[in-house]
Amino acid sequence: MRILEDLLAGCEGLARNKMRSMLSALGIVIAVGSVVMIVTLGDQAKKLIILELERRWGADLVIIENAPPQRYRHWLDDWKNLKDEDLAAVRRKIDYVEFIGGLRESRSKQVVYGSEHVMGNLKEVDPDYLEARGRIVREGRNLTWSDQENALKVCTIGAELAQELFDTEENAINQEVRITGQRFKVIGVVDPKAEQVGNSEFAKDIYIPLSTGGRRFSGDDPLDEIVIKTHGSYNTERVLTEVADILFQRHGDWDFFAYTEQERIQGIQNIVTMVQSILAALAAISLVVGGIVVMNMMLVSVTERTPEIGLRKALGARRRDIIFQFLFETLALCLLSGLVGLAGGLGMAYLVREIVPRFVTELKEWPWVVEFTTLSLALTCSTLVGLISGLYPAWRAAKLDATVALRYE
């Protein structure tokens, strides 16, 4: 109760000279607002990175590949151990994920349409693989389970391949191409925006059903990759452990390599956190400047109110009472400044969140994230600045002699 009374008395002291108090508080407001805005935008940037990487790189994917032996035999595939039966077993035992797909990749194949012929990368896949990897189409349609079950001779092709063979992507739909002499119907063109970041080779991919590839090209060759799309990146470690157990029990050896993209994502997040911390530290320097301004104001206030201090001491006020009077006045100033700065920082972060996506159209969503620790840290720092900057003026006021103070003009 005494603390509340002292704070109210401090607010009354600040109200005596409103303009000076407002100018002194401005530095604290700007410093706290800058720190809150930078930290809040940094937290939102980290969340945005996760969402973007899940969309582009597959941050929510668990990937299983063949592990080559120590003596790498590139000209043979006898070291590849992932089978269609492994894919079926994983599908059967793990049913709480979004998609589980398989890939069998062939060497480059010649694709012919009329007199035009180009080299493309043939990939035998099932529809779940395309969904997991985000291989959506913008012209025509994607491969379906009906195509897979009936082993139809249909394909989707990369955008660059479509333009080289048919001039435009629209012209590619329902056309027939020959892949090493076998006719396939083009049913879709892969959206370039769905291609994996930094790899233009995906623009020359040819996707055919896994079953069709087994009958026409690869026979019972092993798979190159099994991909599992989980419900969010937080679930990948659990799925990774269970898949590894299933395959180890089937193979009796660690002849496969299972991994996620979490390490790469974590590395990028660490960089963002480091930049965020540096910017926040630079913004926090202004807190020191604001504290010096507040201390200077309080020293002036002590000088102006010397007769008042002498009168209080003559009436029986103790040194502790004088210290609390000026200390709580400083705390009230910095606490109120911190609250205003907090609101201002959140407001600026919200404006950035609303304005930037209008100019950067690729940002489909900007998550709003506000950490409680950020808010509490900002208020704590502003309170500490008030405490530190008010100690010396309060001590100086408390040590004044009552007789000298009463005679001060």
Protein backbone atom coordinates (compact mmCIF):
# COMPACT_ATOMS: atom_id res chain seq x y z
CA MET A 1 0.00 0.00 0.00
CA ARG A 2 2.88 2.35 0.84
CA ILE A 3 4.46 1.61 -2.52
CA LEU A 4 1.23 2.54 -4.35
CA GLU A 5 1.00 5.80 -2.42
CA ASP A 6 4.62 6.62 -3.27
CA LEU A 7 3.97 5.91 -6.96
CA LEU A 8 0.92 8.19 -6.96
CA ALA A 9 2.99 10.88 -5.24
CA GLY A 10 5.65 10.38 -7.91
CA CYS A 11 3.07 10.90 -10.67
CA GLU A 12 1.92 14.11 -8.96
CA GLY A 13 5.54 15.29 -8.90
CA LEU A 14 5.88 14.68 -12.62
CA ALA A 15 2.67 16.59 -13.30
CA ARG A 16 4.17 19.76 -11.84
CA ASN A 17 6.28 20.24 -14.96
CA LYS A 18 4.54 18.35 -17.75
CA MET A 19 6.65 19.53 -20.68
CA ARG A 20 9.97 18.66 -19.03
CA SER A 21 8.66 15.26 -17.95
CA MET A 22 7.38 14.51 -21.46
CA LEU A 23 10.67 15.45 -23.10
CA SER A 24 12.62 13.36 -20.58
CA ALA A 25 10.31 10.40 -21.14
CA LEU A 26 10.65 10.60 -24.93
CA GLY A 27 14.02 8.86 -24.96
CA ILE A 28 12.68 5.93 -22.91
CA VAL A 29 9.60 5.68 -25.14
CA ILE A 30 11.69 5.53 -28.31
CA ALA A 31 14.17 3.03 -26.84
CA VAL A 32 11.53 0.63 -25.47
CA GLY A 33 9.44 0.95 -28.63
CA SER A 34 12.43 0.17 -30.86
CA VAL A 35 13.43 -2.89 -28.84
CA VAL A 36 9.85 -4.24 -28.75
CA MET A 37 9.38 -3.69 -32.50
CA ILE A 38 12.68 -5.35 -33.43
CA VAL A 39 12.23 -8.35 -31.15
CA THR A 40 8.58 -8.82 -32.17
CA LEU A 41 9.38 -8.63 -35.89
CA GLY A 42 12.29 -11.04 -35.33
CA ASP A 43 9.99 -13.58 -33.66
CA GLN A 44 7.51 -13.22 -36.50
CA ALA A 45 10.31 -13.60 -39.06
CA LYS A 46 11.38 -16.91 -37.49
CA LYS A 47 7.80 -18.17 -37.64
CA LEU A 48 7.51 -16.94 -41.23
CA ILE A 49 10.71 -18.79 -42.16
CA ILE A 50 9.25 -22.06 -40.85
CA LEU A 51 6.05 -21.57 -42.87
CA GLU A 52 7.95 -20.66 -46.04
CA LEU A 53 10.39 -23.56 -45.73
CA GLU A 54 7.53 -25.97 -45.11
CA ARG A 55 5.99 -24.71 -48.34
CA ARG A 56 9.17 -24.59 -50.43
CA TRP A 57 11.77 -26.93 -48.94
CA GLY A 58 9.61 -29.36 -47.02
CA ALA A 59 10.44 -28.55 -43.40
CA ASP A 60 7.71 -30.99 -42.39
CA LEU A 61 9.17 -33.86 -44.41
CA VAL A 62 10.92 -37.04 -43.31
CA ILE A 63 13.13 -38.35 -46.14
CA ILE A 64 14.52 -41.89 -46.42
CA GLU A 65 17.24 -42.66 -48.95
CA ASN A 66 19.58 -45.54 -49.66
CA ALA A 67 22.84 -45.35 -47.74
CA PRO A 68 25.78 -46.15 -50.04
CA PRO A 69 28.44 -48.54 -48.73
CA GLN A 70 31.91 -47.37 -47.83
CA ARG A 71 33.16 -48.52 -51.19
CA TYR A 72 30.86 -46.55 -53.48
CA ARG A 73 29.78 -48.59 -56.55
CA HIS A 74 28.09 -45.91 -58.63
CA TRP A 75 27.81 -48.06 -61.76
CA LEU A 76 25.78 -50.68 -59.91
CA ASP A 77 22.53 -50.42 -57.95
CA ASP A 78 23.09 -53.50 -55.78
CA TRP A 79 23.72 -51.26 -52.76
CA LYS A 80 20.20 -49.81 -53.01
CA ASN A 81 17.90 -51.56 -50.57
CA LEU A 82 14.61 -49.62 -50.48
CA LYS A 83 11.87 -51.75 -52.02
CA ASP A 84 8.23 -51.26 -52.92
CA GLU A 85 7.47 -53.59 -49.99
CA ASP A 86 9.22 -51.16 -47.62
CA LEU A 87 7.00 -48.35 -48.88
CA ALA A 88 3.90 -50.50 -48.34
CA ALA A 89 5.06 -51.47 -44.82
CA VAL A 90 5.63 -47.85 -43.82
CA ARG A 91 2.20 -46.91 -45.18
CA ARG A 92 0.61 -49.76 -43.25
CA LYS A 93 2.22 -49.01 -39.90
CA ILE A 94 2.25 -45.20 -39.92
CA ASP A 95 -1.22 -43.84 -40.57
CA TYR A 96 -1.16 -40.54 -38.67
CA VAL A 97 0.71 -38.48 -41.31
CA GLU A 98 -0.53 -36.61 -44.37
CA PHE A 99 1.29 -38.34 -47.23
CA ILE A 100 3.75 -41.21 -47.74
CA GLY A 101 5.18 -41.42 -51.26
CA GLY A 102 7.89 -43.24 -53.15
CA LEU A 103 10.29 -42.25 -55.93
CA ARG A 104 12.28 -44.31 -58.41
CA GLU A 105 14.56 -42.10 -60.46
CA SER A 106 15.93 -43.08 -63.86
CA ARG A 107 18.79 -41.63 -65.83
CA SER A 108 18.05 -38.89 -68.36
CA LYS A 109 15.69 -39.99 -71.10
CA GLN A 110 15.07 -38.59 -74.55
CA VAL A 111 11.63 -37.03 -74.93
CA VAL A 112 10.39 -36.62 -78.52
CA TYR A 113 7.46 -34.66 -79.93
CA GLY A 114 7.35 -34.47 -83.72
CA SER A 115 10.74 -33.26 -84.84
CA GLU A 116 11.57 -31.80 -81.43
CA HIS A 117 13.57 -33.83 -78.93
CA VAL A 118 15.09 -32.89 -75.57
CA MET A 119 16.61 -34.71 -72.62
CA GLY A 120 14.52 -34.94 -69.46
CA ASN A 121 14.80 -36.52 -66.02
CA LEU A 122 12.38 -39.44 -65.74
CA LYS A 123 10.90 -39.91 -62.27
CA GLU A 124 8.55 -42.73 -61.37
CA VAL A 125 6.35 -41.55 -58.51
CA ASP A 126 3.02 -42.12 -56.82
CA PRO A 127 0.49 -39.31 -56.17
CA ASP A 128 1.45 -39.07 -52.48
CA TYR A 129 5.03 -38.23 -53.45
CA LEU A 130 3.85 -35.37 -55.64
CA GLU A 131 1.65 -34.04 -52.83
CA ALA A 132 4.41 -34.35 -50.23
CA ARG A 133 6.97 -32.60 -52.44
CA GLY A 134 4.50 -29.89 -53.49
CA ARG A 135 4.63 -30.77 -57.19
CA ILE A 136 1.37 -29.06 -58.07
CA VAL A 137 0.34 -28.26 -61.66
CA ARG A 138 -1.03 -25.05 -63.11
CA GLU A 139 -2.01 -26.50 -66.47
CA GLY A 140 -3.96 -29.74 -66.79
CA ARG A 141 -4.05 -32.12 -63.82
CA ASN A 142 -1.73 -34.09 -61.60
CA LEU A 143 -1.19 -37.84 -61.46
CA THR A 144 -3.93 -39.67 -59.53
CA TRP A 145 -4.29 -43.00 -57.77
CA SER A 146 -6.42 -44.18 -60.69
CA ASP A 147 -3.42 -43.63 -62.98
CA GLN A 148 -1.26 -45.53 -60.48
CA GLU A 149 -3.61 -48.49 -60.00
CA ASN A 150 -4.20 -48.91 -63.73
CA ALA A 151 -0.58 -48.27 -64.71
CA LEU A 152 -1.67 -45.71 -67.32
CA LYS A 153 0.82 -44.24 -69.77
CA VAL A 154 0.38 -40.63 -68.68
CA CYS A 155 2.86 -38.02 -67.44
CA THR A 156 3.26 -34.52 -66.09
CA ILE A 157 6.26 -32.52 -67.25
CA GLY A 158 8.31 -29.57 -66.03
CA ALA A 159 7.56 -26.07 -67.29
CA GLU A 160 10.85 -25.68 -69.18
CA LEU A 161 10.35 -29.02 -70.92
CA ALA A 162 6.83 -28.00 -71.97
CA GLN A 163 8.05 -24.72 -73.44
CA GLU A 164 10.87 -26.35 -75.39
CA LEU A 165 8.63 -29.02 -76.93
CA PHE A 166 5.32 -27.17 -77.34
CA ASP A 167 6.25 -23.45 -77.22
CA THR A 168 3.58 -22.80 -74.55
CA GLU A 169 2.45 -24.74 -71.51
CA GLU A 170 -1.18 -24.70 -72.67
CA ASN A 171 -0.28 -26.48 -75.90
CA ALA A 172 1.31 -29.37 -73.99
CA ILE A 173 -1.92 -30.69 -72.47
CA ASN A 174 -3.30 -33.91 -74.05
CA GLN A 175 -0.38 -34.16 -76.46
CA GLU A 176 1.53 -37.42 -76.91
CA VAL A 177 5.27 -37.63 -76.44
CA ARG A 178 7.64 -40.55 -76.89
CA ILE A 179 9.92 -41.44 -74.00
CA THR A 180 12.61 -43.83 -75.31
CA GLY A 181 10.16 -44.94 -77.98
CA GLN A 182 7.08 -45.40 -75.76
CA ARG A 183 4.09 -43.10 -76.12
CA PHE A 184 2.86 -41.14 -73.10
CA LYS A 185 0.02 -38.63 -72.85
CA VAL A 186 0.89 -35.28 -71.23
CA ILE A 187 -1.81 -34.49 -68.65
CA GLY A 188 -0.20 -31.61 -66.73
CA VAL A 189 2.59 -29.05 -66.47
CA VAL A 190 4.30 -28.51 -63.13
CA ASP A 191 4.04 -25.00 -61.70
CA PRO A 192 7.53 -23.39 -61.69
CA LYS A 193 6.77 -21.83 -58.29
CA ALA A 194 6.47 -25.34 -56.89
CA GLU A 195 9.97 -26.25 -58.03
CA GLN A 196 12.52 -26.73 -55.30
CA VAL A 197 14.45 -23.56 -54.47
CA GLY A 198 17.82 -23.18 -56.18
CA ASN A 199 17.50 -26.17 -58.54
CA SER A 200 16.40 -25.39 -62.10
CA GLU A 201 16.80 -29.04 -63.13
CA PHE A 202 13.34 -29.75 -61.73
CA ALA A 203 11.93 -27.73 -64.64
CA LYS A 204 12.93 -30.64 -66.92
CA ASP A 205 11.40 -33.45 -64.87
CA ILE A 206 8.98 -35.99 -66.27
CA TYR A 207 6.69 -37.68 -63.75
CA ILE A 208 5.01 -40.98 -64.55
CA PRO A 209 3.09 -43.36 -62.25
CA LEU A 210 5.32 -45.66 -60.19
CA SER A 211 3.45 -48.73 -61.41
CA THR A 212 3.78 -47.68 -65.06
CA GLY A 213 7.50 -47.15 -64.64
CA GLY A 214 7.87 -50.59 -63.10
CA ARG A 215 6.19 -52.23 -66.08
CA ARG A 216 7.75 -50.14 -68.86
CA PHE A 217 11.22 -49.16 -67.66
CA SER A 218 12.61 -50.17 -64.29
CA GLY A 219 11.01 -53.54 -63.51
CA ASP A 220 11.61 -54.43 -59.85
CA ASP A 221 14.47 -51.96 -59.37
CA PRO A 222 14.77 -50.51 -55.85
CA LEU A 223 13.32 -47.15 -54.86
CA ASP A 224 15.55 -44.11 -54.54
CA GLU A 225 13.52 -42.26 -51.96
CA ILE A 226 10.58 -42.50 -49.59
CA VAL A 227 9.09 -39.19 -48.46
CA ILE A 228 6.70 -38.67 -45.54
CA LYS A 229 4.84 -35.40 -45.02
CA THR A 230 3.90 -34.93 -41.36
CA HIS A 231 1.33 -32.67 -39.73
CA GLY A 232 3.75 -29.79 -39.09
CA SER A 233 7.50 -29.68 -38.48
CA TYR A 234 7.09 -30.34 -34.74
CA ASN A 235 6.12 -33.97 -35.50
CA THR A 236 9.06 -34.94 -37.72
CA GLU A 237 11.37 -36.34 -35.04
CA ARG A 238 8.75 -38.80 -33.80
CA VAL A 239 7.99 -40.01 -37.33
CA LEU A 240 11.71 -40.25 -38.13
CA THR A 241 12.31 -42.55 -35.16
CA GLU A 242 9.39 -44.84 -35.98
CA VAL A 243 10.29 -45.14 -39.67
CA ALA A 244 13.89 -45.96 -38.82
CA ASP A 245 12.70 -48.71 -36.45
CA ILE A 246 10.39 -50.20 -39.11
CA LEU A 247 13.08 -50.30 -41.80
CA PHE A 248 15.77 -51.61 -39.44
CA GLN A 249 13.51 -54.49 -38.40
CA ARG A 250 12.87 -55.32 -42.08
CA HIS A 251 16.48 -55.00 -43.28
CA GLY A 252 18.38 -56.03 -40.17
CA ASP A 253 20.92 -53.32 -40.94
CA TRP A 254 21.27 -49.55 -41.18
CA ASP A 255 21.48 -49.65 -44.98
CA PHE A 256 19.34 -46.54 -45.35
CA PHE A 257 19.66 -42.88 -44.45
CA ALA A 258 16.71 -41.08 -42.78
CA TYR A 259 16.77 -37.36 -42.13
CA THR A 260 14.69 -34.17 -41.91
CA GLU A 261 15.27 -30.57 -42.91
CA GLN A 262 15.20 -29.39 -39.29
CA GLU A 263 18.96 -28.84 -39.04
CA ARG A 264 18.98 -26.53 -42.04
CA ILE A 265 15.93 -24.69 -40.71
CA GLN A 266 17.50 -24.38 -37.26
CA GLY A 267 20.64 -22.93 -38.78
CA ILE A 268 18.65 -20.24 -40.59
CA GLN A 269 16.67 -19.50 -37.44
CA ASN A 270 19.92 -19.12 -35.49
CA ILE A 271 21.13 -16.53 -38.00
CA VAL A 272 17.85 -14.59 -37.67
CA THR A 273 18.13 -14.74 -33.87
CA MET A 274 21.70 -13.42 -34.00
CA VAL A 275 20.73 -10.49 -36.26
CA GLN A 276 17.69 -9.84 -34.07
CA SER A 277 19.86 -9.74 -30.94
CA ILE A 278 22.39 -7.35 -32.52
CA LEU A 279 19.66 -4.94 -33.66
CA ALA A 280 17.92 -5.12 -30.26
CA ALA A 281 21.23 -4.39 -28.50
CA LEU A 282 21.83 -1.37 -30.73
CA ALA A 283 18.31 -0.11 -30.02
CA ALA A 284 18.82 -0.69 -26.30
CA ILE A 285 21.76 1.74 -26.29
CA SER A 286 19.18 4.51 -26.48
CA LEU A 287 17.91 3.30 -23.09
CA VAL A 288 21.22 4.41 -21.59
CA VAL A 289 20.86 7.79 -23.25
CA GLY A 290 17.29 8.05 -21.98
CA GLY A 291 18.43 7.16 -18.47
CA ILE A 292 21.04 9.94 -18.52
CA VAL A 293 18.39 12.43 -19.63
CA VAL A 294 16.08 11.31 -16.80
CA MET A 295 18.91 11.59 -14.25
CA ASN A 296 19.71 15.10 -15.45
CA MET A 297 16.04 16.10 -15.13
CA MET A 298 15.85 14.74 -11.59
CA LEU A 299 19.03 16.58 -10.56
CA VAL A 300 17.48 19.80 -11.81
CA SER A 301 14.29 18.92 -9.94
CA VAL A 302 16.23 18.33 -6.71
CA THR A 303 17.90 21.74 -7.06
CA GLU A 304 14.56 23.49 -7.70
CA ARG A 305 12.83 21.77 -4.79
CA THR A 306 15.58 22.24 -2.19
CA PRO A 307 13.37 24.43 0.07
CA GLU A 308 10.62 21.78 -0.11
CA ILE A 309 13.12 19.11 0.95
CA GLY A 310 14.28 21.28 3.86
CA LEU A 311 10.66 21.84 4.97
CA ARG A 312 9.90 18.10 4.90
CA LYS A 313 13.00 17.35 6.95
CA ALA A 314 12.09 20.09 9.45
CA LEU A 315 8.67 18.47 9.87
CA GLY A 316 10.27 15.10 10.69
CA ALA A 317 10.79 13.38 7.33
CA ARG A 318 13.60 10.85 7.48
CA ARG A 319 16.34 10.43 4.90
CA ARG A 320 14.64 7.23 3.69
CA ASP A 321 11.41 9.17 3.01
CA ILE A 322 13.24 11.71 0.87
CA ILE A 323 14.98 8.92 -1.10
CA PHE A 324 11.68 7.15 -1.74
CA GLN A 325 10.02 10.41 -2.82
CA PHE A 326 12.47 11.09 -5.67
CA LEU A 327 13.16 7.45 -6.50
CA PHE A 328 9.50 6.63 -7.00
CA GLU A 329 9.07 9.77 -9.06
CA THR A 330 11.76 8.48 -11.43
CA LEU A 331 10.28 4.98 -11.41
CA ALA A 332 6.83 6.36 -12.26
CA LEU A 333 8.27 8.33 -15.18
CA CYS A 334 10.16 5.34 -16.63
CA LEU A 335 7.35 2.85 -16.02
CA LEU A 336 4.81 5.04 -17.80
CA SER A 337 7.33 5.66 -20.59
CA GLY A 338 7.89 1.90 -20.87
CA LEU A 339 4.14 1.25 -21.24
CA VAL A 340 3.82 3.91 -23.94
CA GLY A 341 6.90 2.56 -25.72
CA LEU A 342 5.53 -0.97 -25.48
CA ALA A 343 2.27 0.05 -27.13
CA GLY A 344 4.14 2.06 -29.76
CA GLY A 345 6.50 -0.81 -30.57
CA LEU A 346 3.64 -3.28 -31.01
CA GLY A 347 1.80 -0.73 -33.13
CA MET A 348 4.82 -0.25 -35.43
CA ALA A 349 5.30 -4.02 -35.73
CA TYR A 350 1.64 -4.37 -36.70
CA LEU A 351 1.99 -1.64 -39.36
CA VAL A 352 5.03 -3.39 -40.84
CA ARG A 353 3.09 -6.67 -40.89
CA GLU A 354 0.22 -4.99 -42.75
CA ILE A 355 2.24 -2.88 -45.19
CA VAL A 356 5.13 -5.14 -46.30
CA PRO A 357 2.97 -7.97 -47.81
CA ARG A 358 1.33 -5.39 -50.08
CA PHE A 359 4.68 -4.74 -51.76
CA VAL A 360 6.12 -8.28 -51.48
CA THR A 361 3.39 -10.31 -53.13
CA GLU A 362 5.17 -13.63 -52.56
CA LEU A 363 4.42 -13.35 -48.83
CA LYS A 364 1.08 -15.09 -48.68
CA GLU A 365 0.82 -14.77 -44.91
CA TRP A 366 2.65 -12.97 -42.12
CA PRO A 367 2.03 -14.62 -38.74
CA TRP A 368 1.38 -12.33 -35.77
CA VAL A 369 3.56 -13.54 -32.90
CA VAL A 370 4.09 -11.67 -29.63
CA GLU A 371 6.15 -13.35 -26.93
CA PHE A 372 5.25 -12.60 -23.30
CA THR A 373 8.96 -12.57 -22.42
CA THR A 374 9.48 -9.70 -24.88
CA LEU A 375 6.85 -7.56 -23.18
CA SER A 376 8.02 -8.36 -19.67
CA LEU A 377 11.69 -7.77 -20.60
CA ALA A 378 10.87 -4.35 -22.08
CA LEU A 379 9.03 -3.23 -18.93
CA THR A 380 11.75 -4.66 -16.70
CA CYS A 381 14.48 -2.78 -18.58
CA SER A 382 12.61 0.52 -18.43
CA THR A 383 12.02 0.02 -14.68
CA LEU A 384 15.70 -0.74 -14.08
CA VAL A 385 16.69 2.37 -16.01
CA GLY A 386 14.38 4.39 -13.76
CA LEU A 387 15.83 2.79 -10.66
CA ILE A 388 19.45 3.34 -11.67
CA SER A 389 19.01 6.87 -12.98
CA GLY A 390 17.01 7.92 -9.91
CA LEU A 391 19.34 6.61 -7.24
CA TYR A 392 21.92 9.41 -7.34
CA PRO A 393 19.44 12.34 -7.44
CA ALA A 394 17.44 10.74 -4.60
CA TRP A 395 20.59 10.18 -2.50
CA ARG A 396 21.72 13.76 -3.17
CA ALA A 397 18.32 15.10 -2.08
CA ALA A 398 18.31 12.95 1.08
CA LYS A 399 21.71 14.13 2.29
CA LEU A 400 20.79 17.85 2.19
CA ASP A 401 20.95 19.58 5.56
CA ALA A 402 17.49 20.81 6.62
CA THR A 403 18.75 24.24 7.83
CA VAL A 404 20.75 24.91 4.67
CA ALA A 405 17.89 23.70 2.47
CA LEU A 406 15.37 26.04 4.14
CA ARG A 407 17.66 29.02 3.57
CA TYR A 408 18.32 28.06 -0.09
CA GLU A 409 17.10 30.56 -2.70
